[in-house]
Amino acid sequence: MGGHPLSTPSTHVHSTRDLGLLLKHFRGTLDLTQADISGLANTGNRFVIELERGKETVQLNKVFDVLEVLGLEMVIQPKRSF
């Protein structure tokens, strides 16, 4: 069986829009609908729609529930200097 659909070891997220697009991408690679995610994460479909659209005021605990369903985790690290 193949690994997780993530093709790189990490992805940088700089905004809620970035996060929403990334989660939408992963949902698609897993062939799941927004309704599938909302059911599996025990949240409303509207929440998933707003999260994928980059809404800035989503509930963080629900974001973690969606990440769990998608097999993802959040990692916080110091920003790299350029």
Foldseek 3Di string as FASTA:
>chain_A
DDDQPDPDPDDDDDALQSQLCVLVVLCVVVVHDLVRLCVQLVHDSVLNVCSNNRPRDHDPVSVQSSCVVSVHDDDDDDDDDD
